[in-house]
Amino acid sequence: MLTGRALAEVGDTESSRRELEAARTVFRQIGAVPAADEAEALLAPASLPAGLTAREAEVLRLVASGRSNAQIATDLVLSEKTVARHLSNIFTKLDVRSRTAATAFAYEHGVV
């Protein structure tokens, strides 16, 4: 699934879709329902508000769930600096100045 996410981030949507579909199939075969659901969500048509990328939406969902930057970094296997950069981009795109305002936006616009 990580390969599918990486390919999506660099704009290779066809390869990303192929990788995510394969991951979803394997996860279902081995009974890893949460992982299969995550792959399914990543395959859903992008209808993210405010020009958010899939990764930014993922970070925003974790922020909305109350996770700290350090926890998000651990969850997504990123550095804290990368998480902070994503948050900065999210705040700019949403025209907000706080995690609370970003969380409110996420709930109001169906990101969460």
PDB file of N, CA and C in Angstrom:
ATOM      1  N   MET A   1       0.821  -1.179   0.000  1.00  0.00           N
ATOM      2  CA  MET A   1       0.000   0.000   0.000  1.00  0.00           C
ATOM      3  C   MET A   1       0.874   1.255   0.000  1.00  0.00           C
ATOM      4  N   LEU A   2       2.017   1.179   0.644  1.00  0.00           N
ATOM      5  CA  LEU A   2       2.931   2.315   0.684  1.00  0.00           C
ATOM      6  C   LEU A   2       3.373   2.707  -0.722  1.00  0.00           C
ATOM      7  N   THR A   3       3.622   1.732  -1.564  1.00  0.00           N
ATOM      8  CA  THR A   3       4.016   2.015  -2.948  1.00  0.00           C
ATOM      9  C   THR A   3       2.897   2.751  -3.672  1.00  0.00           C
ATOM     10  N   GLY A   4       1.663   2.318  -3.473  1.00  0.00           N
ATOM     11  CA  GLY A   4       0.514   2.980  -4.093  1.00  0.00           C
ATOM     12  C   GLY A   4       0.398   4.425  -3.663  1.00  0.00           C
ATOM     13  N   ARG A   5       0.612   4.684  -2.375  1.00  0.00           N
ATOM     14  CA  ARG A   5       0.562   6.064  -1.875  1.00  0.00           C
ATOM     15  C   ARG A   5       1.675   6.906  -2.491  1.00  0.00           C
ATOM     16  N   ALA A   6       2.871   6.337  -2.538  1.00  0.00           N
ATOM     17  CA  ALA A   6       4.013   7.069  -3.089  1.00  0.00           C
ATOM     18  C   ALA A   6       3.787   7.404  -4.555  1.00  0.00           C
ATOM     19  N   LEU A   7       3.278   6.451  -5.300  1.00  0.00           N
ATOM     20  CA  LEU A   7       3.009   6.695  -6.719  1.00  0.00           C
ATOM     21  C   LEU A   7       1.948   7.774  -6.901  1.00  0.00           C
ATOM     22  N   ALA A   8       0.940   7.779  -6.044  1.00  0.00           N
ATOM     23  CA  ALA A   8      -0.094   8.816  -6.118  1.00  0.00           C
ATOM     24  C   ALA A   8       0.506  10.184  -5.832  1.00  0.00           C
ATOM     25  N   GLU A   9       1.404  10.254  -4.860  1.00  0.00           N
ATOM     26  CA  GLU A   9       2.029  11.528  -4.500  1.00  0.00           C
ATOM     27  C   GLU A   9       2.846  12.119  -5.647  1.00  0.00           C
ATOM     28  N   VAL A  10       3.458  11.258  -6.464  1.00  0.00           N
ATOM     29  CA  VAL A  10       4.258  11.769  -7.583  1.00  0.00           C
ATOM     30  C   VAL A  10       3.442  11.873  -8.867  1.00  0.00           C
ATOM     31  N   GLY A  11       2.133  11.595  -8.766  1.00  0.00           N
ATOM     32  CA  GLY A  11       1.243  11.798  -9.904  1.00  0.00           C
ATOM     33  C   GLY A  11       1.058  10.617 -10.834  1.00  0.00           C
ATOM     34  N   ASP A  12       1.594   9.463 -10.502  1.00  0.00           N
ATOM     35  CA  ASP A  12       1.429   8.275 -11.346  1.00  0.00           C
ATOM     36  C   ASP A  12       0.166   7.539 -10.900  1.00  0.00           C
ATOM     37  N   THR A  13      -0.983   8.080 -11.290  1.00  0.00           N
ATOM     38  CA  THR A  13      -2.259   7.560 -10.798  1.00  0.00           C
ATOM     39  C   THR A  13      -2.555   6.151 -11.296  1.00  0.00           C
ATOM     40  N   GLU A  14      -2.169   5.839 -12.510  1.00  0.00           N
ATOM     41  CA  GLU A  14      -2.442   4.505 -13.051  1.00  0.00           C
ATOM     42  C   GLU A  14      -1.691   3.431 -12.259  1.00  0.00           C
ATOM     43  N   SER A  15      -0.415   3.642 -12.045  1.00  0.00           N
ATOM     44  CA  SER A  15       0.378   2.675 -11.271  1.00  0.00           C
ATOM     45  C   SER A  15      -0.078   2.632  -9.818  1.00  0.00           C
ATOM     46  N   SER A  16      -0.431   3.793  -9.281  1.00  0.00           N
ATOM     47  CA  SER A  16      -0.924   3.854  -7.913  1.00  0.00           C
ATOM     48  C   SER A  16      -2.185   3.015  -7.758  1.00  0.00           C
ATOM     49  N   ARG A  17      -3.116   3.174  -8.667  1.00  0.00           N
ATOM     50  CA  ARG A  17      -4.370   2.418  -8.624  1.00  0.00           C
ATOM     51  C   ARG A  17      -4.087   0.915  -8.692  1.00  0.00           C
ATOM     52  N   ARG A  18      -3.194   0.527  -9.580  1.00  0.00           N
ATOM     53  CA  ARG A  18      -2.847  -0.889  -9.735  1.00  0.00           C
ATOM     54  C   ARG A  18      -2.278  -1.455  -8.420  1.00  0.00           C
ATOM     55  N   GLU A  19      -1.369  -0.720  -7.798  1.00  0.00           N
ATOM     56  CA  GLU A  19      -0.760  -1.158  -6.537  1.00  0.00           C
ATOM     57  C   GLU A  19      -1.798  -1.238  -5.418  1.00  0.00           C
ATOM     58  N   LEU A  20      -2.664  -0.232  -5.339  1.00  0.00           N
ATOM     59  CA  LEU A  20      -3.672  -0.215  -4.281  1.00  0.00           C
ATOM     60  C   LEU A  20      -4.709  -1.320  -4.467  1.00  0.00           C
ATOM     61  N   GLU A  21      -5.076  -1.590  -5.713  1.00  0.00           N
ATOM     62  CA  GLU A  21      -6.019  -2.689  -5.974  1.00  0.00           C
ATOM     63  C   GLU A  21      -5.409  -4.030  -5.566  1.00  0.00           C
ATOM     64  N   ALA A  22      -4.132  -4.216  -5.875  1.00  0.00           N
ATOM     65  CA  ALA A  22      -3.446  -5.460  -5.490  1.00  0.00           C
ATOM     66  C   ALA A  22      -3.372  -5.572  -3.967  1.00  0.00           C
ATOM     67  N   ALA A  23      -3.052  -4.472  -3.306  1.00  0.00           N
ATOM     68  CA  ALA A  23      -2.976  -4.481  -1.842  1.00  0.00           C
ATOM     69  C   ALA A  23      -4.342  -4.804  -1.241  1.00  0.00           C
ATOM     70  N   ARG A  24      -5.384  -4.179  -1.761  1.00  0.00           N
ATOM     71  CA  ARG A  24      -6.740  -4.431  -1.262  1.00  0.00           C
ATOM     72  C   ARG A  24      -7.095  -5.912  -1.386  1.00  0.00           C
ATOM     73  N   THR A  25      -6.780  -6.501  -2.533  1.00  0.00           N
ATOM     74  CA  THR A  25      -7.078  -7.915  -2.767  1.00  0.00           C
ATOM     75  C   THR A  25      -6.355  -8.805  -1.761  1.00  0.00           C
ATOM     76  N   VAL A  26      -5.072  -8.562  -1.574  1.00  0.00           N
ATOM     77  CA  VAL A  26      -4.289  -9.374  -0.632  1.00  0.00           C
ATOM     78  C   VAL A  26      -4.813  -9.192   0.792  1.00  0.00           C
ATOM     79  N   PHE A  27      -5.086  -7.947   1.179  1.00  0.00           N
ATOM     80  CA  PHE A  27      -5.591  -7.702   2.529  1.00  0.00           C
ATOM     81  C   PHE A  27      -6.911  -8.431   2.762  1.00  0.00           C
ATOM     82  N   ARG A  28      -7.774  -8.430   1.776  1.00  0.00           N
ATOM     83  CA  ARG A  28      -9.048  -9.151   1.920  1.00  0.00           C
ATOM     84  C   ARG A  28      -8.810 -10.653   2.035  1.00  0.00           C
ATOM     85  N   GLN A  29      -7.881 -11.169   1.237  1.00  0.00           N
ATOM     86  CA  GLN A  29      -7.598 -12.609   1.265  1.00  0.00           C
ATOM     87  C   GLN A  29      -7.078 -13.073   2.617  1.00  0.00           C
ATOM     88  N   ILE A  30      -6.307 -12.229   3.276  1.00  0.00           N
ATOM     89  CA  ILE A  30      -5.738 -12.634   4.566  1.00  0.00           C
ATOM     90  C   ILE A  30      -6.587 -12.160   5.748  1.00  0.00           C
ATOM     91  N   GLY A  31      -7.706 -11.519   5.456  1.00  0.00           N
ATOM     92  CA  GLY A  31      -8.614 -11.093   6.518  1.00  0.00           C
ATOM     93  C   GLY A  31      -8.219  -9.817   7.231  1.00  0.00           C
ATOM     94  N   ALA A  32      -7.366  -9.020   6.615  1.00  0.00           N
ATOM     95  CA  ALA A  32      -6.942  -7.746   7.205  1.00  0.00           C
ATOM     96  C   ALA A  32      -7.938  -6.660   6.794  1.00  0.00           C
ATOM     97  N   VAL A  33      -9.105  -6.698   7.419  1.00  0.00           N
ATOM     98  CA  VAL A  33     -10.209  -5.822   7.020  1.00  0.00           C
ATOM     99  C   VAL A  33      -9.867  -4.336   7.135  1.00  0.00           C
ATOM    100  N   PRO A  34      -9.287  -3.854   8.253  1.00  0.00           N
ATOM    101  CA  PRO A  34      -8.972  -2.424   8.327  1.00  0.00           C
ATOM    102  C   PRO A  34      -8.022  -1.966   7.212  1.00  0.00           C
ATOM    103  N   ALA A  35      -7.028  -2.767   6.914  1.00  0.00           N
ATOM    104  CA  ALA A  35      -6.085  -2.411   5.847  1.00  0.00           C
ATOM    105  C   ALA A  35      -6.776  -2.431   4.491  1.00  0.00           C
ATOM    106  N   ALA A  36      -7.656  -3.411   4.265  1.00  0.00           N
ATOM    107  CA  ALA A  36      -8.413  -3.472   3.008  1.00  0.00           C
ATOM    108  C   ALA A  36      -9.309  -2.251   2.881  1.00  0.00           C
ATOM    109  N   ASP A  37      -9.932  -1.843   3.989  1.00  0.00           N
ATOM    110  CA  ASP A  37     -10.786  -0.650   3.974  1.00  0.00           C
ATOM    111  C   ASP A  37      -9.975   0.607   3.680  1.00  0.00           C
ATOM    112  N   GLU A  38      -8.766   0.667   4.229  1.00  0.00           N
ATOM    113  CA  GLU A  38      -7.900   1.819   3.972  1.00  0.00           C
ATOM    114  C   GLU A  38      -7.517   1.882   2.492  1.00  0.00           C
ATOM    115  N   ALA A  39      -7.170   0.740   1.917  1.00  0.00           N
ATOM    116  CA  ALA A  39      -6.845   0.694   0.487  1.00  0.00           C
ATOM    117  C   ALA A  39      -8.057   1.112  -0.332  1.00  0.00           C
ATOM    118  N   GLU A  40      -9.232   0.650   0.072  1.00  0.00           N
ATOM    119  CA  GLU A  40     -10.474   1.011  -0.619  1.00  0.00           C
ATOM    120  C   GLU A  40     -10.693   2.525  -0.577  1.00  0.00           C
ATOM    121  N   ALA A  41     -10.462   3.122   0.583  1.00  0.00           N
ATOM    122  CA  ALA A  41     -10.629   4.568   0.725  1.00  0.00           C
ATOM    123  C   ALA A  41      -9.648   5.326  -0.169  1.00  0.00           C
ATOM    124  N   LEU A  42      -8.434   4.816  -0.275  1.00  0.00           N
ATOM    125  CA  LEU A  42      -7.444   5.468  -1.134  1.00  0.00           C
ATOM    126  C   LEU A  42      -7.796   5.330  -2.612  1.00  0.00           C
ATOM    127  N   LEU A  43      -8.564   4.306  -2.947  1.00  0.00           N
ATOM    128  CA  LEU A  43      -8.984   4.102  -4.335  1.00  0.00           C
ATOM    129  C   LEU A  43     -10.210   4.931  -4.696  1.00  0.00           C
ATOM    130  N   ALA A  44     -10.907   5.446  -3.693  1.00  0.00           N
ATOM    131  CA  ALA A  44     -12.116   6.230  -3.952  1.00  0.00           C
ATOM    132  C   ALA A  44     -11.756   7.466  -4.767  1.00  0.00           C
ATOM    133  N   PRO A  45     -12.680   7.885  -5.628  1.00  0.00           N
ATOM    134  CA  PRO A  45     -12.411   9.076  -6.431  1.00  0.00           C
ATOM    135  C   PRO A  45     -12.068  10.262  -5.531  1.00  0.00           C
ATOM    136  N   ALA A  46     -11.083  10.990  -5.947  1.00  0.00           N
ATOM    137  CA  ALA A  46     -10.656  12.140  -5.158  1.00  0.00           C
ATOM    138  C   ALA A  46     -11.688  13.249  -5.254  1.00  0.00           C
ATOM    139  N   SER A  47     -12.262  13.573  -4.138  1.00  0.00           N
ATOM    140  CA  SER A  47     -13.201  14.685  -4.087  1.00  0.00           C
ATOM    141  C   SER A  47     -12.880  15.485  -2.837  1.00  0.00           C
ATOM    142  N   LEU A  48     -11.621  15.785  -2.696  1.00  0.00           N
ATOM    143  CA  LEU A  48     -11.154  16.469  -1.505  1.00  0.00           C
ATOM    144  C   LEU A  48     -11.314  17.974  -1.662  1.00  0.00           C
ATOM    145  N   PRO A  49     -11.801  18.625  -0.629  1.00  0.00           N
ATOM    146  CA  PRO A  49     -12.017  20.069  -0.712  1.00  0.00           C
ATOM    147  C   PRO A  49     -10.718  20.863  -0.631  1.00  0.00           C
ATOM    148  N   ALA A  50     -10.788  22.077  -1.087  1.00  0.00           N
ATOM    149  CA  ALA A  50      -9.711  23.064  -0.942  1.00  0.00           C
ATOM    150  C   ALA A  50      -8.398  22.639  -1.582  1.00  0.00           C
ATOM    151  N   GLY A  51      -8.446  21.710  -2.514  1.00  0.00           N
ATOM    152  CA  GLY A  51      -7.231  21.292  -3.192  1.00  0.00           C
ATOM    153  C   GLY A  51      -6.302  20.442  -2.349  1.00  0.00           C
ATOM    154  N   LEU A  52      -6.832  19.835  -1.281  1.00  0.00           N
ATOM    155  CA  LEU A  52      -6.000  18.969  -0.443  1.00  0.00           C
ATOM    156  C   LEU A  52      -5.547  17.746  -1.227  1.00  0.00           C
ATOM    157  N   THR A  53      -4.321  17.338  -0.994  1.00  0.00           N
ATOM    158  CA  THR A  53      -3.846  16.077  -1.563  1.00  0.00           C
ATOM    159  C   THR A  53      -4.346  14.937  -0.678  1.00  0.00           C
ATOM    160  N   ALA A  54      -4.230  13.723  -1.166  1.00  0.00           N
ATOM    161  CA  ALA A  54      -4.637  12.563  -0.371  1.00  0.00           C
ATOM    162  C   ALA A  54      -3.829  12.493   0.921  1.00  0.00           C
ATOM    163  N   ARG A  55      -2.553  12.781   0.866  1.00  0.00           N
ATOM    164  CA  ARG A  55      -1.703  12.732   2.061  1.00  0.00           C
ATOM    165  C   ARG A  55      -2.108  13.827   3.049  1.00  0.00           C
ATOM    166  N   GLU A  56      -2.390  15.024   2.537  1.00  0.00           N
ATOM    167  CA  GLU A  56      -2.822  16.102   3.425  1.00  0.00           C
ATOM    168  C   GLU A  56      -4.137  15.740   4.109  1.00  0.00           C
ATOM    169  N   ALA A  57      -5.050  15.127   3.364  1.00  0.00           N
ATOM    170  CA  ALA A  57      -6.324  14.698   3.952  1.00  0.00           C
ATOM    171  C   ALA A  57      -6.079  13.647   5.031  1.00  0.00           C
ATOM    172  N   GLU A  58      -5.135  12.761   4.782  1.00  0.00           N
ATOM    173  CA  GLU A  58      -4.795  11.728   5.759  1.00  0.00           C
ATOM    174  C   GLU A  58      -4.243  12.364   7.038  1.00  0.00           C
ATOM    175  N   VAL A  59      -3.358  13.334   6.883  1.00  0.00           N
ATOM    176  CA  VAL A  59      -2.804  14.047   8.036  1.00  0.00           C
ATOM    177  C   VAL A  59      -3.921  14.799   8.759  1.00  0.00           C
ATOM    178  N   LEU A  60      -4.789  15.457   8.008  1.00  0.00           N
ATOM    179  CA  LEU A  60      -5.892  16.208   8.605  1.00  0.00           C
ATOM    180  C   LEU A  60      -6.820  15.290   9.403  1.00  0.00           C
ATOM    181  N   ARG A  61      -7.103  14.111   8.885  1.00  0.00           N
ATOM    182  CA  ARG A  61      -7.941  13.147   9.620  1.00  0.00           C
ATOM    183  C   ARG A  61      -7.295  12.774  10.955  1.00  0.00           C
ATOM    184  N   LEU A  62      -5.991  12.588  10.937  1.00  0.00           N
ATOM    185  CA  LEU A  62      -5.286  12.234  12.171  1.00  0.00           C
ATOM    186  C   LEU A  62      -5.253  13.410  13.143  1.00  0.00           C
ATOM    187  N   VAL A  63      -5.091  14.622  12.632  1.00  0.00           N
ATOM    188  CA  VAL A  63      -5.164  15.819  13.477  1.00  0.00           C
ATOM    189  C   VAL A  63      -6.549  15.894  14.118  1.00  0.00           C
ATOM    190  N   ALA A  64      -7.575  15.672  13.305  1.00  0.00           N
ATOM    191  CA  ALA A  64      -8.952  15.739  13.803  1.00  0.00           C
ATOM    192  C   ALA A  64      -9.240  14.669  14.851  1.00  0.00           C
ATOM    193  N   SER A  65      -8.487  13.584  14.813  1.00  0.00           N
ATOM    194  CA  SER A  65      -8.681  12.523  15.812  1.00  0.00           C
ATOM    195  C   SER A  65      -7.911  12.815  17.101  1.00  0.00           C
ATOM    196  N   GLY A  66      -7.198  13.949  17.123  1.00  0.00           N
ATOM    197  CA  GLY A  66      -6.494  14.362  18.334  1.00  0.00           C
ATOM    198  C   GLY A  66      -5.047  13.930  18.419  1.00  0.00           C
ATOM    199  N   ARG A  67      -4.488  13.403  17.337  1.00  0.00           N
ATOM    200  CA  ARG A  67      -3.106  12.926  17.355  1.00  0.00           C
ATOM    201  C   ARG A  67      -2.135  14.112  17.309  1.00  0.00           C
ATOM    202  N   SER A  68      -1.024  13.965  17.982  1.00  0.00           N
ATOM    203  CA  SER A  68       0.042  14.973  17.950  1.00  0.00           C
ATOM    204  C   SER A  68       0.882  14.784  16.685  1.00  0.00           C
ATOM    205  N   ASN A  69       1.719  15.767  16.391  1.00  0.00           N
ATOM    206  CA  ASN A  69       2.608  15.633  15.235  1.00  0.00           C
ATOM    207  C   ASN A  69       3.501  14.401  15.371  1.00  0.00           C
ATOM    208  N   ALA A  70       4.002  14.160  16.573  1.00  0.00           N
ATOM    209  CA  ALA A  70       4.871  12.994  16.791  1.00  0.00           C
ATOM    210  C   ALA A  70       4.104  11.697  16.544  1.00  0.00           C
ATOM    211  N   GLN A  71       2.867  11.631  17.011  1.00  0.00           N
ATOM    212  CA  GLN A  71       2.056  10.428  16.796  1.00  0.00           C
ATOM    213  C   GLN A  71       1.741  10.234  15.317  1.00  0.00           C
ATOM    214  N   ILE A  72       1.430  11.338  14.637  1.00  0.00           N
ATOM    215  CA  ILE A  72       1.142  11.261  13.201  1.00  0.00           C
ATOM    216  C   ILE A  72       2.382  10.788  12.453  1.00  0.00           C
ATOM    217  N   ALA A  73       3.530  11.339  12.816  1.00  0.00           N
ATOM    218  CA  ALA A  73       4.787  10.937  12.174  1.00  0.00           C
ATOM    219  C   ALA A  73       5.019   9.441  12.341  1.00  0.00           C
ATOM    220  N   THR A  74       4.778   8.930  13.524  1.00  0.00           N
ATOM    221  CA  THR A  74       4.943   7.495  13.774  1.00  0.00           C
ATOM    222  C   THR A  74       3.947   6.689  12.953  1.00  0.00           C
ATOM    223  N   ASP A  75       2.683   7.112  12.968  1.00  0.00           N
ATOM    224  CA  ASP A  75       1.631   6.388  12.237  1.00  0.00           C
ATOM    225  C   ASP A  75       1.919   6.303  10.745  1.00  0.00           C
ATOM    226  N   LEU A  76       2.400   7.405  10.183  1.00  0.00           N
ATOM    227  CA  LEU A  76       2.591   7.479   8.730  1.00  0.00           C
ATOM    228  C   LEU A  76       4.030   7.229   8.295  1.00  0.00           C
ATOM    229  N   VAL A  77       4.895   6.932   9.241  1.00  0.00           N
ATOM    230  CA  VAL A  77       6.312   6.690   8.977  1.00  0.00           C
ATOM    231  C   VAL A  77       6.920   7.897   8.248  1.00  0.00           C
ATOM    232  N   LEU A  78       6.765   9.043   8.889  1.00  0.00           N
ATOM    233  CA  LEU A  78       7.305  10.304   8.389  1.00  0.00           C
ATOM    234  C   LEU A  78       8.111  10.954   9.507  1.00  0.00           C
ATOM    235  N   SER A  79       8.872  11.971   9.151  1.00  0.00           N
ATOM    236  CA  SER A  79       9.527  12.755  10.193  1.00  0.00           C
ATOM    237  C   SER A  79       8.522  13.775  10.727  1.00  0.00           C
ATOM    238  N   GLU A  80       8.766  14.257  11.946  1.00  0.00           N
ATOM    239  CA  GLU A  80       7.889  15.291  12.498  1.00  0.00           C
ATOM    240  C   GLU A  80       7.945  16.554  11.648  1.00  0.00           C
ATOM    241  N   LYS A  81       9.097  16.836  11.075  1.00  0.00           N
ATOM    242  CA  LYS A  81       9.233  18.018  10.220  1.00  0.00           C
ATOM    243  C   LYS A  81       8.341  17.893   8.987  1.00  0.00           C
ATOM    244  N   THR A  82       8.249  16.710   8.411  1.00  0.00           N
ATOM    245  CA  THR A  82       7.378  16.496   7.251  1.00  0.00           C
ATOM    246  C   THR A  82       5.921  16.679   7.649  1.00  0.00           C
ATOM    247  N   VAL A  83       5.542  16.169   8.803  1.00  0.00           N
ATOM    248  CA  VAL A  83       4.168  16.352   9.284  1.00  0.00           C
ATOM    249  C   VAL A  83       3.886  17.840   9.475  1.00  0.00           C
ATOM    250  N   ALA A  84       4.825  18.561  10.077  1.00  0.00           N
ATOM    251  CA  ALA A  84       4.653  20.000  10.279  1.00  0.00           C
ATOM    252  C   ALA A  84       4.503  20.723   8.944  1.00  0.00           C
ATOM    253  N   ARG A  85       5.259  20.297   7.945  1.00  0.00           N
ATOM    254  CA  ARG A  85       5.158  20.899   6.609  1.00  0.00           C
ATOM    255  C   ARG A  85       3.779  20.636   6.006  1.00  0.00           C
ATOM    256  N   HIS A  86       3.299  19.393   6.137  1.00  0.00           N
ATOM    257  CA  HIS A  86       1.953  19.074   5.652  1.00  0.00           C
ATOM    258  C   HIS A  86       0.918  19.959   6.351  1.00  0.00           C
ATOM    259  N   LEU A  87       1.059  20.127   7.662  1.00  0.00           N
ATOM    260  CA  LEU A  87       0.105  20.962   8.398  1.00  0.00           C
ATOM    261  C   LEU A  87       0.155  22.409   7.935  1.00  0.00           C
ATOM    262  N   SER A  88       1.341  22.909   7.686  1.00  0.00           N
ATOM    263  CA  SER A  88       1.474  24.268   7.172  1.00  0.00           C
ATOM    264  C   SER A  88       0.745  24.411   5.839  1.00  0.00           C
ATOM    265  N   ASN A  89       0.930  23.440   4.956  1.00  0.00           N
ATOM    266  CA  ASN A  89       0.240  23.460   3.661  1.00  0.00           C
ATOM    267  C   ASN A  89      -1.272  23.368   3.843  1.00  0.00           C
ATOM    268  N   ILE A  90      -1.712  22.518   4.762  1.00  0.00           N
ATOM    269  CA  ILE A  90      -3.146  22.367   5.036  1.00  0.00           C
ATOM    270  C   ILE A  90      -3.720  23.689   5.538  1.00  0.00           C
ATOM    271  N   PHE A  91      -3.056  24.304   6.516  1.00  0.00           N
ATOM    272  CA  PHE A  91      -3.539  25.571   7.062  1.00  0.00           C
ATOM    273  C   PHE A  91      -3.657  26.625   5.970  1.00  0.00           C
ATOM    274  N   THR A  92      -2.676  26.676   5.077  1.00  0.00           N
ATOM    275  CA  THR A  92      -2.710  27.646   3.981  1.00  0.00           C
ATOM    276  C   THR A  92      -3.877  27.367   3.048  1.00  0.00           C
ATOM    277  N   LYS A  93      -4.042  26.124   2.646  1.00  0.00           N
ATOM    278  CA  LYS A  93      -5.120  25.773   1.717  1.00  0.00           C
ATOM    279  C   LYS A  93      -6.500  26.009   2.318  1.00  0.00           C
ATOM    280  N   LEU A  94      -6.635  25.765   3.617  1.00  0.00           N
ATOM    281  CA  LEU A  94      -7.930  25.926   4.273  1.00  0.00           C
ATOM    282  C   LEU A  94      -8.142  27.340   4.793  1.00  0.00           C
ATOM    283  N   ASP A  95      -7.097  28.152   4.741  1.00  0.00           N
ATOM    284  CA  ASP A  95      -7.120  29.515   5.263  1.00  0.00           C
ATOM    285  C   ASP A  95      -7.510  29.520   6.743  1.00  0.00           C
ATOM    286  N   VAL A  96      -6.828  28.669   7.510  1.00  0.00           N
ATOM    287  CA  VAL A  96      -7.043  28.592   8.952  1.00  0.00           C
ATOM    288  C   VAL A  96      -5.707  28.761   9.661  1.00  0.00           C
ATOM    289  N   ARG A  97      -5.779  28.985  10.976  1.00  0.00           N
ATOM    290  CA  ARG A  97      -4.549  29.223  11.722  1.00  0.00           C
ATOM    291  C   ARG A  97      -4.325  28.262  12.872  1.00  0.00           C
ATOM    292  N   SER A  98      -5.221  27.289  13.028  1.00  0.00           N
ATOM    293  CA  SER A  98      -5.062  26.383  14.168  1.00  0.00           C
ATOM    294  C   SER A  98      -5.537  24.977  13.827  1.00  0.00           C
ATOM    295  N   ARG A  99      -5.098  24.032  14.635  1.00  0.00           N
ATOM    296  CA  ARG A  99      -5.532  22.645  14.484  1.00  0.00           C
ATOM    297  C   ARG A  99      -7.039  22.546  14.718  1.00  0.00           C
ATOM    298  N   THR A 100      -7.538  23.343  15.663  1.00  0.00           N
ATOM    299  CA  THR A 100      -8.971  23.324  15.966  1.00  0.00           C
ATOM    300  C   THR A 100      -9.784  23.774  14.762  1.00  0.00           C
ATOM    301  N   ALA A 101      -9.356  24.853  14.123  1.00  0.00           N
ATOM    302  CA  ALA A 101     -10.071  25.345  12.938  1.00  0.00           C
ATOM    303  C   ALA A 101      -9.966  24.345  11.791  1.00  0.00           C
ATOM    304  N   ALA A 102      -8.810  23.726  11.642  1.00  0.00           N
ATOM    305  CA  ALA A 102      -8.642  22.715  10.592  1.00  0.00           C
ATOM    306  C   ALA A 102      -9.543  21.514  10.865  1.00  0.00           C
ATOM    307  N   THR A 103      -9.646  21.124  12.129  1.00  0.00           N
ATOM    308  CA  THR A 103     -10.525  20.012  12.503  1.00  0.00           C
ATOM    309  C   THR A 103     -11.978  20.350  12.204  1.00  0.00           C
ATOM    310  N   ALA A 104     -12.392  21.566  12.543  1.00  0.00           N
ATOM    311  CA  ALA A 104     -13.767  21.994  12.249  1.00  0.00           C
ATOM    312  C   ALA A 104     -14.027  21.926  10.751  1.00  0.00           C
ATOM    313  N   PHE A 105     -13.081  22.412   9.956  1.00  0.00           N
ATOM    314  CA  PHE A 105     -13.212  22.345   8.495  1.00  0.00           C
ATOM    315  C   PHE A 105     -13.361  20.896   8.040  1.00  0.00           C
ATOM    316  N   ALA A 106     -12.544  20.025   8.588  1.00  0.00           N
ATOM    317  CA  ALA A 106     -12.571  18.611   8.193  1.00  0.00           C
ATOM    318  C   ALA A 106     -13.947  18.001   8.434  1.00  0.00           C
ATOM    319  N   TYR A 107     -14.539  18.304   9.569  1.00  0.00           N
ATOM    320  CA  TYR A 107     -15.870  17.764   9.871  1.00  0.00           C
ATOM    321  C   TYR A 107     -16.945  18.415   9.004  1.00  0.00           C
ATOM    322  N   GLU A 108     -16.842  19.714   8.802  1.00  0.00           N
ATOM    323  CA  GLU A 108     -17.842  20.436   8.009  1.00  0.00           C
ATOM    324  C   GLU A 108     -17.829  20.032   6.541  1.00  0.00           C
ATOM    325  N   HIS A 109     -16.677  19.603   6.037  1.00  0.00           N
ATOM    326  CA  HIS A 109     -16.542  19.290   4.612  1.00  0.00           C
ATOM    327  C   HIS A 109     -16.380  17.798   4.327  1.00  0.00           C
ATOM    328  N   GLY A 110     -16.651  16.973   5.317  1.00  0.00           N
ATOM    329  CA  GLY A 110     -16.653  15.528   5.097  1.00  0.00           C
ATOM    330  C   GLY A 110     -15.298  14.885   4.891  1.00  0.00           C
ATOM    331  N   VAL A 111     -14.250  15.532   5.335  1.00  0.00           N
ATOM    332  CA  VAL A 111     -12.922  14.935   5.218  1.00  0.00           C
ATOM    333  C   VAL A 111     -12.777  13.819   6.251  1.00  0.00           C
ATOM    334  N   VAL A 112     -13.440  13.999   7.368  1.00  0.00           N
ATOM    335  CA  VAL A 112     -13.409  12.999   8.449  1.00  0.00           C
ATOM    336  C   VAL A 112     -14.649  12.135   8.357  1.00  0.00           C
TER     337      VAL A 112
END
